[in-house]
């Protein structure tokens, strides 16, 4: 439900800004969980359960394909690049932040 609410609050026009925001926030939070090393059960509950249900690779894939089908190849490539590149950077920042919490 949080994913849908954030998507609706952030999405503007045809570009999937809401899902981009969801995925980038999820990358940051997953990095924090991994860096904080809360233990295997807590990590699974938070990273796999909560954040796995929050972020969405399947919606990203459909959004990219829909942009391509609509003739917006530039938008499709931009969406994919903005999800992956900054997502890895945010996960790294989250990992450092999580380790700093220890």
C-alpha atoms as a PDB file:
ATOM      1  CA  UNK A   1       0.000   0.000   0.000  1.00  0.00           C
ATOM      2  CA  UNK A   2       2.895   2.377   0.755  1.00  0.00           C
ATOM      3  CA  UNK A   3       4.207   1.870  -2.780  1.00  0.00           C
ATOM      4  CA  UNK A   4       0.875   2.803  -4.320  1.00  0.00           C
ATOM      5  CA  UNK A   5       0.460   5.856  -2.093  1.00  0.00           C
ATOM      6  CA  UNK A   6       3.958   7.159  -2.838  1.00  0.00           C
ATOM      7  CA  UNK A   7       3.545   6.442  -6.552  1.00  0.00           C
ATOM      8  CA  UNK A   8       0.296   8.397  -6.671  1.00  0.00           C
ATOM      9  CA  UNK A   9       1.720  11.281  -4.647  1.00  0.00           C
ATOM     10  CA  UNK A  10       4.822  11.684  -6.823  1.00  0.00           C
ATOM     11  CA  UNK A  11       3.767  10.630 -10.346  1.00  0.00           C
ATOM     12  CA  UNK A  12       3.381  13.487 -12.786  1.00  0.00           C
ATOM     13  CA  UNK A  13       2.446  12.947 -16.406  1.00  0.00           C
ATOM     14  CA  UNK A  14       3.440   9.843 -18.318  1.00  0.00           C
ATOM     15  CA  UNK A  15       6.946   9.381 -16.893  1.00  0.00           C
ATOM     16  CA  UNK A  16       6.868   6.906 -13.953  1.00  0.00           C
ATOM     17  CA  UNK A  17       8.373   9.252 -11.346  1.00  0.00           C
ATOM     18  CA  UNK A  18       6.437   7.580  -8.543  1.00  0.00           C
ATOM     19  CA  UNK A  19       7.918   4.125  -9.105  1.00  0.00           C
ATOM     20  CA  UNK A  20      11.337   5.730  -9.538  1.00  0.00           C
ATOM     21  CA  UNK A  21      10.941   7.365  -6.109  1.00  0.00           C
ATOM     22  CA  UNK A  22       9.780   4.074  -4.582  1.00  0.00           C
ATOM     23  CA  UNK A  23      12.709   2.113  -5.991  1.00  0.00           C
ATOM     24  CA  UNK A  24      15.333   4.713  -5.050  1.00  0.00           C
ATOM     25  CA  UNK A  25      14.017   5.016  -1.494  1.00  0.00           C
ATOM     26  CA  UNK A  26      13.950   1.215  -1.267  1.00  0.00           C
ATOM     27  CA  UNK A  27      17.590   1.013  -2.407  1.00  0.00           C
ATOM     28  CA  UNK A  28      18.645   3.500   0.261  1.00  0.00           C
ATOM     29  CA  UNK A  29      16.723   1.706   3.007  1.00  0.00           C
ATOM     30  CA  UNK A  30      17.970  -1.737   1.928  1.00  0.00           C
ATOM     31  CA  UNK A  31      21.519  -0.399   2.176  1.00  0.00           C
ATOM     32  CA  UNK A  32      20.839   0.891   5.685  1.00  0.00           C
ATOM     33  CA  UNK A  33      19.450  -2.508   6.743  1.00  0.00           C
ATOM     34  CA  UNK A  34      22.432  -4.344   5.256  1.00  0.00           C
ATOM     35  CA  UNK A  35      24.908  -1.959   6.859  1.00  0.00           C
ATOM     36  CA  UNK A  36      23.265  -2.082  10.271  1.00  0.00           C
ATOM     37  CA  UNK A  37      23.432  -5.903  10.270  1.00  0.00           C
ATOM     38  CA  UNK A  38      20.328  -6.413  12.426  1.00  0.00           C
ATOM     39  CA  UNK A  39      20.694 -10.202  12.353  1.00  0.00           C
ATOM     40  CA  UNK A  40      19.457 -12.736   9.819  1.00  0.00           C
ATOM     41  CA  UNK A  41      15.780 -12.830  10.850  1.00  0.00           C
ATOM     42  CA  UNK A  42      15.407  -9.066  11.164  1.00  0.00           C
ATOM     43  CA  UNK A  43      17.302  -8.521   7.905  1.00  0.00           C
ATOM     44  CA  UNK A  44      14.999 -10.952   6.096  1.00  0.00           C
ATOM     45  CA  UNK A  45      11.887  -9.360   7.565  1.00  0.00           C
ATOM     46  CA  UNK A  46      13.006  -5.829   6.726  1.00  0.00           C
ATOM     47  CA  UNK A  47      14.928  -6.214   3.462  1.00  0.00           C
ATOM     48  CA  UNK A  48      13.134  -9.128   1.845  1.00  0.00           C
ATOM     49  CA  UNK A  49       9.694  -8.779   3.388  1.00  0.00           C
ATOM     50  CA  UNK A  50       9.018  -5.093   3.911  1.00  0.00           C
ATOM     51  CA  UNK A  51      11.308  -3.542   1.300  1.00  0.00           C
ATOM     52  CA  UNK A  52      10.816  -6.399  -1.159  1.00  0.00           C
ATOM     53  CA  UNK A  53       7.097  -5.673  -1.069  1.00  0.00           C
ATOM     54  CA  UNK A  54       7.686  -1.926  -1.293  1.00  0.00           C
ATOM     55  CA  UNK A  55      10.063  -1.800  -4.273  1.00  0.00           C
ATOM     56  CA  UNK A  56       9.179  -3.266  -7.617  1.00  0.00           C
ATOM     57  CA  UNK A  57      11.276  -4.592 -10.453  1.00  0.00           C
ATOM     58  CA  UNK A  58       8.211  -5.859 -12.300  1.00  0.00           C
ATOM     59  CA  UNK A  59       6.547  -2.434 -12.459  1.00  0.00           C
ATOM     60  CA  UNK A  60       9.843  -0.928 -13.584  1.00  0.00           C
ATOM     61  CA  UNK A  61      10.026  -3.454 -16.412  1.00  0.00           C
ATOM     62  CA  UNK A  62       6.446  -2.784 -17.508  1.00  0.00           C
ATOM     63  CA  UNK A  63       6.953   0.993 -17.296  1.00  0.00           C
ATOM     64  CA  UNK A  64      10.065   0.781 -19.495  1.00  0.00           C
ATOM     65  CA  UNK A  65       8.252  -1.395 -22.033  1.00  0.00           C
ATOM     66  CA  UNK A  66       5.200   0.894 -22.019  1.00  0.00           C
ATOM     67  CA  UNK A  67       7.336   3.961 -22.650  1.00  0.00           C
ATOM     68  CA  UNK A  68       8.990   2.118 -25.544  1.00  0.00           C
ATOM     69  CA  UNK A  69       5.605   1.026 -26.936  1.00  0.00           C
ATOM     70  CA  UNK A  70       4.398   4.625 -26.740  1.00  0.00           C
ATOM     71  CA  UNK A  71       7.366   5.662 -28.891  1.00  0.00           C
ATOM     72  CA  UNK A  72       9.297   7.247 -26.026  1.00  0.00           C
ATOM     73  CA  UNK A  73      12.580   5.365 -26.369  1.00  0.00           C
ATOM     74  CA  UNK A  74      14.483   8.176 -24.658  1.00  0.00           C
ATOM     75  CA  UNK A  75      12.099   8.023 -21.692  1.00  0.00           C
ATOM     76  CA  UNK A  76      12.449   4.235 -21.512  1.00  0.00           C
ATOM     77  CA  UNK A  77      16.240   4.412 -21.400  1.00  0.00           C
ATOM     78  CA  UNK A  78      16.134   7.306 -18.928  1.00  0.00           C
ATOM     79  CA  UNK A  79      13.752   5.428 -16.619  1.00  0.00           C
ATOM     80  CA  UNK A  80      15.957   2.347 -16.629  1.00  0.00           C
ATOM     81  CA  UNK A  81      19.153   4.364 -16.107  1.00  0.00           C
ATOM     82  CA  UNK A  82      17.663   6.458 -13.286  1.00  0.00           C
ATOM     83  CA  UNK A  83      16.481   3.357 -11.444  1.00  0.00           C
ATOM     84  CA  UNK A  84      19.756   1.446 -11.732  1.00  0.00           C
ATOM     85  CA  UNK A  85      22.582   3.988 -11.508  1.00  0.00           C
ATOM     86  CA  UNK A  86      21.340   6.158  -8.653  1.00  0.00           C
ATOM     87  CA  UNK A  87      19.827   3.067  -7.026  1.00  0.00           C
ATOM     88  CA  UNK A  88      23.248   1.489  -6.618  1.00  0.00           C
ATOM     89  CA  UNK A  89      24.685   4.767  -5.334  1.00  0.00           C
ATOM     90  CA  UNK A  90      21.868   5.160  -2.808  1.00  0.00           C
ATOM     91  CA  UNK A  91      22.315   1.572  -1.651  1.00  0.00           C
ATOM     92  CA  UNK A  92      26.014   2.323  -1.080  1.00  0.00           C
ATOM     93  CA  UNK A  93      25.146   5.465   0.884  1.00  0.00           C
ATOM     94  CA  UNK A  94      22.624   3.491   2.907  1.00  0.00           C
ATOM     95  CA  UNK A  95      25.195   0.783   3.600  1.00  0.00           C
ATOM     96  CA  UNK A  96      27.640   3.386   4.907  1.00  0.00           C
ATOM     97  CA  UNK A  97      24.914   4.985   7.008  1.00  0.00           C
ATOM     98  CA  UNK A  98      23.867   1.621   8.415  1.00  0.00           C
ATOM     99  CA  UNK A  99      27.446   0.788   9.346  1.00  0.00           C
ATOM    100  CA  UNK A 100      27.778   4.190  11.016  1.00  0.00           C
ATOM    101  CA  UNK A 101      24.797   3.303  13.213  1.00  0.00           C
ATOM    102  CA  UNK A 102      26.748   0.429  14.735  1.00  0.00           C
END
